[in-house]
Amino acid sequence: MGIALTKQKHVIFDVETTGLSALRGDRIIEIGALAVENEDIIGEFHTLIDVGMQIPCAVRRIHGITNDMLTGKPSPEEVFPQFRNFIKNSILVAHNAQFDMRFLRYEFARQGFGLGNKYLCTLEMCRKRFPQLPDYKLETVCRHLFGRQVEEVQMHRALEDARMVARVWMKIMK
């Protein structure tokens, strides 16, 4: 079934974090999300988040988010209730969704609420649909589907990655 046939709201999202493990105390420092209904983008959510901790140098090299960029940005206590409202009654979509969902559940639990949204993983969809790819990084999938257009996009920033995931998801669902 293509997305044009569904009236369900989907929120395609990505997060950037201070590390790889919410269980070890790493936190979400950026969220980017697009609300989509019937192939139309009906809303956008983006923010950096000041979690009050230093970003390790190795992680900064991946996404380019510095400690200074987070100074004065909203706190998790401000962001996650707003994001919870943004995603309510929607199906979530992410590339490597288990990673993003693990962090989102952790942040929601810190705020005292759960996360019951169903979710779809474009990484898993791409593994099934494109078994010939050498890997399933978002950049690899985008190059396969869209060619050189990917070079114009700043990868590993939440909103830009969410936009790319949305393109991938829409292409797969058609």
N, C-alpha and C. Protein backbone atom coordinates (compact mmCIF):
# COMPACT_ATOMS: atom_id res chain seq x y z
N MET A 1 0.85 -1.19 0.00
CA MET A 1 0.00 0.00 0.00
C MET A 1 0.89 1.24 0.00
N GLY A 2 0.66 2.18 -0.87
CA GLY A 2 1.42 3.42 -0.92
C GLY A 2 0.92 4.41 0.11
N ILE A 3 1.77 5.38 0.44
CA ILE A 3 1.36 6.34 1.46
C ILE A 3 0.21 7.22 1.00
N ALA A 4 0.03 7.34 -0.30
CA ALA A 4 -1.08 8.16 -0.78
C ALA A 4 -2.43 7.56 -0.37
N LEU A 5 -2.43 6.27 -0.03
CA LEU A 5 -3.68 5.60 0.31
C LEU A 5 -3.98 5.66 1.81
N THR A 6 -3.06 6.13 2.62
CA THR A 6 -3.26 6.14 4.06
C THR A 6 -3.52 7.54 4.57
N LYS A 7 -4.43 7.66 5.49
CA LYS A 7 -4.71 8.96 6.10
C LYS A 7 -3.99 9.10 7.44
N GLN A 8 -3.30 8.05 7.86
CA GLN A 8 -2.57 8.06 9.13
C GLN A 8 -1.42 9.07 9.06
N LYS A 9 -1.26 9.83 10.11
CA LYS A 9 -0.14 10.77 10.20
C LYS A 9 1.13 9.98 10.55
N HIS A 10 2.20 10.29 9.84
CA HIS A 10 3.51 9.72 10.12
C HIS A 10 4.44 10.86 10.51
N VAL A 11 5.32 10.60 11.44
CA VAL A 11 6.35 11.57 11.79
C VAL A 11 7.70 10.92 11.52
N ILE A 12 8.40 11.49 10.55
CA ILE A 12 9.73 11.01 10.19
C ILE A 12 10.71 11.83 11.00
N PHE A 13 11.57 11.15 11.76
CA PHE A 13 12.43 11.90 12.68
C PHE A 13 13.84 11.33 12.73
N ASP A 14 14.73 12.14 13.27
CA ASP A 14 16.10 11.73 13.52
C ASP A 14 16.58 12.47 14.76
N VAL A 15 17.51 11.84 15.46
CA VAL A 15 18.11 12.48 16.63
C VAL A 15 19.62 12.46 16.49
N GLU A 16 20.25 13.43 17.10
CA GLU A 16 21.70 13.43 17.29
C GLU A 16 21.92 13.37 18.80
N THR A 17 22.97 12.66 19.19
CA THR A 17 23.17 12.36 20.62
C THR A 17 24.60 12.66 21.07
N THR A 18 24.81 12.55 22.37
CA THR A 18 26.15 12.74 22.94
C THR A 18 26.98 11.46 22.86
N GLY A 19 26.40 10.38 22.43
CA GLY A 19 27.10 9.10 22.32
C GLY A 19 26.15 8.03 21.83
N LEU A 20 26.55 6.79 22.01
CA LEU A 20 25.81 5.68 21.41
C LEU A 20 24.89 4.93 22.37
N SER A 21 24.91 5.26 23.66
CA SER A 21 24.15 4.45 24.61
C SER A 21 23.37 5.28 25.62
N ALA A 22 22.06 5.25 25.49
CA ALA A 22 21.21 5.90 26.50
C ALA A 22 21.40 5.22 27.85
N LEU A 23 21.66 3.93 27.85
CA LEU A 23 21.86 3.19 29.11
C LEU A 23 23.10 3.65 29.85
N ARG A 24 24.07 4.19 29.13
CA ARG A 24 25.27 4.73 29.78
C ARG A 24 25.17 6.22 30.05
N GLY A 25 23.98 6.77 29.82
CA GLY A 25 23.77 8.18 30.15
C GLY A 25 23.91 9.15 29.00
N ASP A 26 24.11 8.66 27.78
CA ASP A 26 24.17 9.57 26.64
C ASP A 26 22.78 10.15 26.41
N ARG A 27 22.72 11.34 25.84
CA ARG A 27 21.47 12.08 25.72
C ARG A 27 21.25 12.59 24.31
N ILE A 28 19.99 12.88 24.01
CA ILE A 28 19.63 13.51 22.74
C ILE A 28 19.94 15.00 22.83
N ILE A 29 20.68 15.51 21.84
CA ILE A 29 21.01 16.93 21.83
C ILE A 29 20.41 17.66 20.61
N GLU A 30 19.80 16.90 19.71
CA GLU A 30 19.11 17.52 18.58
C GLU A 30 18.02 16.58 18.08
N ILE A 31 16.86 17.15 17.78
CA ILE A 31 15.76 16.41 17.16
C ILE A 31 15.34 17.17 15.91
N GLY A 32 15.13 16.41 14.84
CA GLY A 32 14.54 16.97 13.63
C GLY A 32 13.41 16.04 13.20
N ALA A 33 12.26 16.58 12.86
CA ALA A 33 11.12 15.75 12.51
C ALA A 33 10.21 16.46 11.52
N LEU A 34 9.58 15.64 10.67
CA LEU A 34 8.59 16.12 9.71
C LEU A 34 7.32 15.32 9.92
N ALA A 35 6.19 16.00 10.03
CA ALA A 35 4.89 15.33 10.09
C ALA A 35 4.37 15.25 8.66
N VAL A 36 3.97 14.05 8.26
CA VAL A 36 3.53 13.82 6.89
C VAL A 36 2.16 13.16 6.91
N GLU A 37 1.28 13.68 6.06
CA GLU A 37 -0.04 13.09 5.86
C GLU A 37 -0.33 13.12 4.37
N ASN A 38 -0.67 11.97 3.80
CA ASN A 38 -0.99 11.89 2.37
C ASN A 38 0.08 12.52 1.49
N GLU A 39 1.32 12.23 1.77
CA GLU A 39 2.48 12.72 1.03
C GLU A 39 2.75 14.21 1.21
N ASP A 40 1.98 14.89 2.04
CA ASP A 40 2.19 16.31 2.29
C ASP A 40 2.86 16.50 3.65
N ILE A 41 3.85 17.35 3.67
CA ILE A 41 4.47 17.72 4.94
C ILE A 41 3.55 18.74 5.60
N ILE A 42 3.03 18.38 6.77
CA ILE A 42 2.06 19.24 7.45
C ILE A 42 2.64 19.91 8.69
N GLY A 43 3.89 19.57 9.03
CA GLY A 43 4.51 20.20 10.18
C GLY A 43 5.98 19.83 10.27
N GLU A 44 6.70 20.65 11.01
CA GLU A 44 8.14 20.43 11.18
C GLU A 44 8.49 20.74 12.62
N PHE A 45 9.41 19.96 13.17
CA PHE A 45 9.88 20.17 14.53
C PHE A 45 11.40 20.06 14.49
N HIS A 46 12.08 21.07 15.01
CA HIS A 46 13.53 21.02 15.07
C HIS A 46 14.04 21.84 16.24
N THR A 47 14.96 21.26 16.98
CA THR A 47 15.62 22.01 18.03
C THR A 47 16.91 21.35 18.46
N LEU A 48 17.84 22.17 18.87
CA LEU A 48 18.99 21.71 19.63
C LEU A 48 18.55 21.67 21.08
N ILE A 49 19.20 20.85 21.91
CA ILE A 49 18.80 20.68 23.31
C ILE A 49 20.03 20.79 24.19
N ASP A 50 19.95 21.66 25.18
CA ASP A 50 21.04 21.80 26.15
C ASP A 50 20.81 20.81 27.28
N VAL A 51 21.59 19.72 27.25
CA VAL A 51 21.44 18.67 28.28
C VAL A 51 22.41 18.87 29.44
N GLY A 52 23.20 19.95 29.40
CA GLY A 52 24.10 20.26 30.51
C GLY A 52 25.27 19.32 30.64
N MET A 53 25.70 18.74 29.55
CA MET A 53 26.89 17.87 29.60
C MET A 53 27.76 18.12 28.38
N GLN A 54 29.02 17.77 28.51
CA GLN A 54 29.98 17.97 27.43
C GLN A 54 29.80 16.91 26.35
N ILE A 55 29.99 17.33 25.11
CA ILE A 55 29.93 16.40 23.98
C ILE A 55 31.35 15.90 23.73
N PRO A 56 31.56 14.59 23.77
CA PRO A 56 32.90 14.07 23.50
C PRO A 56 33.40 14.48 22.11
N CYS A 57 34.69 14.69 22.00
CA CYS A 57 35.30 15.16 20.75
C CYS A 57 34.99 14.22 19.59
N ALA A 58 35.07 12.92 19.79
CA ALA A 58 34.81 11.96 18.72
C ALA A 58 33.39 12.09 18.20
N VAL A 59 32.45 12.37 19.08
CA VAL A 59 31.04 12.53 18.69
C VAL A 59 30.85 13.85 17.95
N ARG A 60 31.51 14.91 18.43
CA ARG A 60 31.42 16.21 17.75
C ARG A 60 31.89 16.10 16.30
N ARG A 61 32.91 15.27 16.06
CA ARG A 61 33.42 15.11 14.69
C ARG A 61 32.37 14.47 13.78
N ILE A 62 31.46 13.68 14.33
CA ILE A 62 30.44 13.02 13.51
C ILE A 62 29.37 14.01 13.08
N HIS A 63 28.76 14.71 14.06
CA HIS A 63 27.63 15.57 13.70
C HIS A 63 27.95 17.06 13.68
N GLY A 64 29.09 17.44 14.20
CA GLY A 64 29.49 18.84 14.14
C GLY A 64 28.82 19.74 15.17
N ILE A 65 28.07 19.17 16.09
CA ILE A 65 27.41 19.97 17.13
C ILE A 65 28.40 20.20 18.26
N THR A 66 28.62 21.46 18.59
CA THR A 66 29.57 21.80 19.64
C THR A 66 28.85 22.17 20.93
N ASN A 67 29.60 22.15 22.01
CA ASN A 67 29.04 22.56 23.30
C ASN A 67 28.52 23.99 23.24
N ASP A 68 29.24 24.88 22.56
CA ASP A 68 28.80 26.27 22.44
C ASP A 68 27.46 26.39 21.71
N MET A 69 27.24 25.52 20.74
CA MET A 69 25.98 25.57 19.99
C MET A 69 24.78 25.25 20.89
N LEU A 70 25.01 24.50 21.96
CA LEU A 70 23.91 24.09 22.84
C LEU A 70 23.64 25.09 23.96
N THR A 71 24.60 25.95 24.24
CA THR A 71 24.43 26.92 25.31
C THR A 71 23.22 27.81 25.06
N GLY A 72 22.33 27.85 26.03
CA GLY A 72 21.14 28.69 25.93
C GLY A 72 19.99 28.06 25.17
N LYS A 73 20.17 26.87 24.65
CA LYS A 73 19.08 26.19 23.93
C LYS A 73 18.11 25.60 24.96
N PRO A 74 16.92 25.20 24.53
CA PRO A 74 15.94 24.65 25.47
C PRO A 74 16.44 23.40 26.18
N SER A 75 15.94 23.19 27.37
CA SER A 75 16.30 22.01 28.16
C SER A 75 15.43 20.82 27.74
N PRO A 76 15.84 19.60 28.11
CA PRO A 76 15.00 18.44 27.83
C PRO A 76 13.59 18.59 28.41
N GLU A 77 13.48 19.22 29.58
CA GLU A 77 12.17 19.41 30.22
C GLU A 77 11.25 20.31 29.39
N GLU A 78 11.83 21.18 28.58
CA GLU A 78 11.04 22.02 27.68
C GLU A 78 10.73 21.30 26.37
N VAL A 79 11.71 20.57 25.84
CA VAL A 79 11.60 20.00 24.50
C VAL A 79 10.70 18.77 24.45
N PHE A 80 10.91 17.82 25.35
CA PHE A 80 10.24 16.52 25.17
C PHE A 80 8.73 16.55 25.37
N PRO A 81 8.18 17.38 26.23
CA PRO A 81 6.72 17.50 26.24
C PRO A 81 6.18 18.07 24.92
N GLN A 82 6.91 19.02 24.33
CA GLN A 82 6.49 19.57 23.03
C GLN A 82 6.59 18.53 21.93
N PHE A 83 7.67 17.76 21.95
CA PHE A 83 7.84 16.74 20.93
C PHE A 83 6.79 15.62 21.10
N ARG A 84 6.49 15.29 22.32
CA ARG A 84 5.45 14.29 22.60
C ARG A 84 4.12 14.73 21.98
N ASN A 85 3.80 16.00 22.12
CA ASN A 85 2.58 16.54 21.53
C ASN A 85 2.65 16.50 20.00
N PHE A 86 3.82 16.79 19.44
CA PHE A 86 4.01 16.80 17.99
C PHE A 86 3.79 15.40 17.39
N ILE A 87 4.20 14.35 18.10
CA ILE A 87 4.12 13.00 17.54
C ILE A 87 2.87 12.23 17.95
N LYS A 88 2.01 12.83 18.77
CA LYS A 88 0.86 12.06 19.25
C LYS A 88 0.00 11.59 18.08
N ASN A 89 -0.56 10.40 18.26
CA ASN A 89 -1.43 9.78 17.25
C ASN A 89 -0.76 9.58 15.90
N SER A 90 0.56 9.38 15.89
CA SER A 90 1.25 9.18 14.63
C SER A 90 2.10 7.92 14.68
N ILE A 91 2.43 7.44 13.50
CA ILE A 91 3.39 6.36 13.37
C ILE A 91 4.74 7.02 13.12
N LEU A 92 5.74 6.60 13.86
CA LEU A 92 7.08 7.19 13.73
C LEU A 92 7.86 6.42 12.67
N VAL A 93 8.72 7.16 11.96
CA VAL A 93 9.57 6.57 10.92
C VAL A 93 10.98 7.09 11.14
N ALA A 94 11.95 6.17 11.17
CA ALA A 94 13.35 6.57 11.33
C ALA A 94 14.24 5.57 10.61
N HIS A 95 15.44 6.00 10.30
CA HIS A 95 16.45 5.12 9.72
C HIS A 95 17.28 4.59 10.88
N ASN A 96 17.32 3.28 11.02
CA ASN A 96 17.88 2.63 12.22
C ASN A 96 17.01 3.02 13.42
N ALA A 97 15.74 2.76 13.27
CA ALA A 97 14.73 3.21 14.24
C ALA A 97 14.99 2.70 15.66
N GLN A 98 15.54 1.51 15.80
CA GLN A 98 15.76 1.01 17.16
C GLN A 98 16.68 1.94 17.95
N PHE A 99 17.69 2.47 17.31
CA PHE A 99 18.61 3.42 17.97
C PHE A 99 17.84 4.67 18.41
N ASP A 100 17.14 5.29 17.48
CA ASP A 100 16.42 6.53 17.78
C ASP A 100 15.32 6.30 18.82
N MET A 101 14.61 5.20 18.67
CA MET A 101 13.52 4.90 19.61
C MET A 101 14.05 4.63 21.01
N ARG A 102 15.18 3.95 21.12
CA ARG A 102 15.77 3.70 22.44
C ARG A 102 16.06 5.02 23.15
N PHE A 103 16.66 5.96 22.43
CA PHE A 103 16.96 7.26 23.02
C PHE A 103 15.68 8.03 23.34
N LEU A 104 14.71 7.99 22.45
CA LEU A 104 13.46 8.71 22.68
C LEU A 104 12.72 8.14 23.89
N ARG A 105 12.67 6.82 24.00
CA ARG A 105 12.03 6.20 25.18
C ARG A 105 12.73 6.62 26.47
N TYR A 106 14.06 6.66 26.42
CA TYR A 106 14.84 7.05 27.59
C TYR A 106 14.52 8.49 28.00
N GLU A 107 14.50 9.39 27.03
CA GLU A 107 14.22 10.79 27.34
C GLU A 107 12.78 10.96 27.82
N PHE A 108 11.85 10.26 27.19
CA PHE A 108 10.45 10.34 27.64
C PHE A 108 10.31 9.81 29.06
N ALA A 109 10.96 8.70 29.36
CA ALA A 109 10.90 8.13 30.72
C ALA A 109 11.47 9.10 31.74
N ARG A 110 12.52 9.82 31.39
CA ARG A 110 13.09 10.83 32.30
C ARG A 110 12.06 11.92 32.62
N GLN A 111 11.13 12.15 31.68
CA GLN A 111 10.09 13.17 31.88
C GLN A 111 8.85 12.58 32.55
N GLY A 112 8.85 11.26 32.75
CA GLY A 112 7.73 10.63 33.44
C GLY A 112 6.60 10.18 32.54
N PHE A 113 6.85 10.06 31.24
CA PHE A 113 5.81 9.53 30.37
C PHE A 113 6.36 8.48 29.43
N GLY A 114 5.47 7.64 28.93
CA GLY A 114 5.86 6.54 28.05
C GLY A 114 5.79 6.94 26.59
N LEU A 115 6.13 5.97 25.76
CA LEU A 115 6.12 6.16 24.32
C LEU A 115 5.47 4.94 23.70
N GLY A 116 4.23 5.07 23.30
CA GLY A 116 3.48 3.95 22.76
C GLY A 116 3.32 3.95 21.26
N ASN A 117 3.93 4.92 20.58
CA ASN A 117 3.79 5.01 19.12
C ASN A 117 4.36 3.79 18.42
N LYS A 118 3.65 3.33 17.40
CA LYS A 118 4.21 2.33 16.50
C LYS A 118 5.29 3.02 15.68
N TYR A 119 6.22 2.21 15.14
CA TYR A 119 7.27 2.81 14.32
C TYR A 119 7.67 1.91 13.18
N LEU A 120 8.24 2.54 12.15
CA LEU A 120 8.77 1.86 10.97
C LEU A 120 10.24 2.21 10.85
N CYS A 121 11.01 1.26 10.33
CA CYS A 121 12.46 1.47 10.17
C CYS A 121 12.83 1.41 8.70
N THR A 122 13.28 2.53 8.14
CA THR A 122 13.67 2.54 6.73
C THR A 122 14.93 1.73 6.49
N LEU A 123 15.80 1.59 7.48
CA LEU A 123 16.99 0.77 7.31
C LEU A 123 16.57 -0.68 7.05
N GLU A 124 15.65 -1.20 7.86
CA GLU A 124 15.17 -2.57 7.67
C GLU A 124 14.43 -2.71 6.34
N MET A 125 13.65 -1.71 5.97
CA MET A 125 12.94 -1.74 4.68
C MET A 125 13.94 -1.80 3.53
N CYS A 126 15.01 -1.03 3.63
CA CYS A 126 16.01 -0.99 2.57
C CYS A 126 16.79 -2.30 2.48
N ARG A 127 17.06 -2.93 3.61
CA ARG A 127 17.74 -4.24 3.58
C ARG A 127 16.94 -5.24 2.77
N LYS A 128 15.62 -5.20 2.93
CA LYS A 128 14.76 -6.14 2.19
C LYS A 128 14.62 -5.74 0.73
N ARG A 129 14.50 -4.45 0.49
CA ARG A 129 14.22 -3.97 -0.87
C ARG A 129 15.46 -3.89 -1.76
N PHE A 130 16.62 -3.61 -1.16
CA PHE A 130 17.86 -3.42 -1.93
C PHE A 130 18.99 -4.30 -1.39
N PRO A 131 18.88 -5.62 -1.52
CA PRO A 131 19.88 -6.51 -0.93
C PRO A 131 21.28 -6.36 -1.54
N GLN A 132 21.38 -5.71 -2.68
CA GLN A 132 22.65 -5.56 -3.37
C GLN A 132 23.53 -4.44 -2.80
N LEU A 133 23.00 -3.60 -1.94
CA LEU A 133 23.79 -2.47 -1.44
C LEU A 133 24.93 -2.95 -0.54
N PRO A 134 26.07 -2.25 -0.57
CA PRO A 134 27.21 -2.67 0.26
C PRO A 134 26.97 -2.43 1.76
N ASP A 135 26.16 -1.44 2.08
CA ASP A 135 25.76 -1.18 3.46
C ASP A 135 24.45 -0.39 3.41
N TYR A 136 23.90 -0.10 4.56
CA TYR A 136 22.57 0.54 4.60
C TYR A 136 22.60 1.86 5.37
N LYS A 137 23.77 2.49 5.37
CA LYS A 137 23.85 3.84 5.92
C LYS A 137 22.91 4.73 5.12
N LEU A 138 22.37 5.74 5.77
CA LEU A 138 21.44 6.63 5.09
C LEU A 138 22.07 7.23 3.83
N GLU A 139 23.30 7.62 3.92
CA GLU A 139 23.99 8.22 2.78
C GLU A 139 24.08 7.24 1.61
N THR A 140 24.38 5.97 1.87
CA THR A 140 24.48 4.96 0.83
C THR A 140 23.12 4.74 0.15
N VAL A 141 22.09 4.62 0.97
CA VAL A 141 20.74 4.42 0.44
C VAL A 141 20.32 5.61 -0.41
N CYS A 142 20.60 6.82 0.07
CA CYS A 142 20.23 8.02 -0.67
C CYS A 142 20.97 8.12 -2.00
N ARG A 143 22.25 7.77 -2.00
CA ARG A 143 23.00 7.78 -3.26
C ARG A 143 22.40 6.78 -4.25
N HIS A 144 22.02 5.62 -3.73
CA HIS A 144 21.42 4.60 -4.59
C HIS A 144 20.10 5.11 -5.19
N LEU A 145 19.28 5.75 -4.37
CA LEU A 145 17.96 6.18 -4.83
C LEU A 145 17.96 7.52 -5.58
N PHE A 146 18.85 8.43 -5.18
CA PHE A 146 18.76 9.80 -5.70
C PHE A 146 20.03 10.31 -6.37
N GLY A 147 21.06 9.49 -6.43
CA GLY A 147 22.29 9.90 -7.10
C GLY A 147 23.04 10.99 -6.38
N ARG A 148 23.59 11.90 -7.14
CA ARG A 148 24.49 12.93 -6.60
C ARG A 148 23.79 14.00 -5.78
N GLN A 149 22.48 14.04 -5.79
CA GLN A 149 21.75 15.05 -5.01
C GLN A 149 22.14 15.00 -3.53
N VAL A 150 22.58 13.86 -3.07
CA VAL A 150 22.93 13.66 -1.67
C VAL A 150 24.11 14.52 -1.25
N GLU A 151 25.00 14.81 -2.18
CA GLU A 151 26.20 15.57 -1.84
C GLU A 151 25.88 16.98 -1.38
N GLU A 152 24.70 17.49 -1.69
CA GLU A 152 24.32 18.84 -1.29
C GLU A 152 23.82 18.90 0.15
N VAL A 153 23.56 17.74 0.75
CA VAL A 153 22.92 17.67 2.06
C VAL A 153 23.96 17.50 3.16
N GLN A 154 23.76 18.19 4.27
CA GLN A 154 24.64 18.04 5.42
C GLN A 154 24.15 16.84 6.24
N MET A 155 24.84 15.71 6.09
CA MET A 155 24.45 14.49 6.81
C MET A 155 24.82 14.62 8.28
N HIS A 156 24.15 13.82 9.09
CA HIS A 156 24.38 13.75 10.54
C HIS A 156 23.96 15.03 11.26
N ARG A 157 22.97 15.70 10.73
CA ARG A 157 22.25 16.73 11.44
C ARG A 157 20.79 16.31 11.39
N ALA A 158 20.11 16.43 12.50
CA ALA A 158 18.81 15.79 12.67
C ALA A 158 17.77 16.19 11.63
N LEU A 159 17.58 17.46 11.37
CA LEU A 159 16.54 17.86 10.44
C LEU A 159 16.87 17.45 9.01
N GLU A 160 18.10 17.64 8.60
CA GLU A 160 18.50 17.24 7.24
C GLU A 160 18.37 15.74 7.07
N ASP A 161 18.78 14.97 8.09
CA ASP A 161 18.64 13.52 8.00
C ASP A 161 17.17 13.12 7.97
N ALA A 162 16.34 13.78 8.76
CA ALA A 162 14.90 13.47 8.74
C ALA A 162 14.32 13.75 7.36
N ARG A 163 14.75 14.82 6.73
CA ARG A 163 14.28 15.12 5.37
C ARG A 163 14.69 14.03 4.39
N MET A 164 15.93 13.54 4.54
CA MET A 164 16.39 12.47 3.65
C MET A 164 15.64 11.17 3.94
N VAL A 165 15.41 10.87 5.20
CA VAL A 165 14.64 9.67 5.54
C VAL A 165 13.23 9.77 4.96
N ALA A 166 12.64 10.94 5.01
CA ALA A 166 11.31 11.13 4.44
C ALA A 166 11.32 10.83 2.94
N ARG A 167 12.33 11.31 2.25
CA ARG A 167 12.43 11.04 0.81
C ARG A 167 12.58 9.54 0.54
N VAL A 168 13.43 8.89 1.32
CA VAL A 168 13.64 7.45 1.18
C VAL A 168 12.34 6.71 1.44
N TRP A 169 11.68 7.04 2.53
CA TRP A 169 10.45 6.37 2.93
C TRP A 169 9.37 6.54 1.86
N MET A 170 9.19 7.77 1.38
CA MET A 170 8.18 8.02 0.35
C MET A 170 8.48 7.24 -0.93
N LYS A 171 9.75 7.18 -1.28
CA LYS A 171 10.14 6.44 -2.51
C LYS A 171 9.86 4.95 -2.33
N ILE A 172 10.20 4.40 -1.17
CA ILE A 172 9.97 2.97 -0.92
C ILE A 172 8.48 2.65 -0.89
N MET A 173 7.69 3.55 -0.32
CA MET A 173 6.26 3.28 -0.14
C MET A 173 5.46 3.43 -1.43
N LYS A 174 6.04 4.07 -2.44
CA LYS A 174 5.27 4.26 -3.70
C LYS A 174 5.24 3.01 -4.51
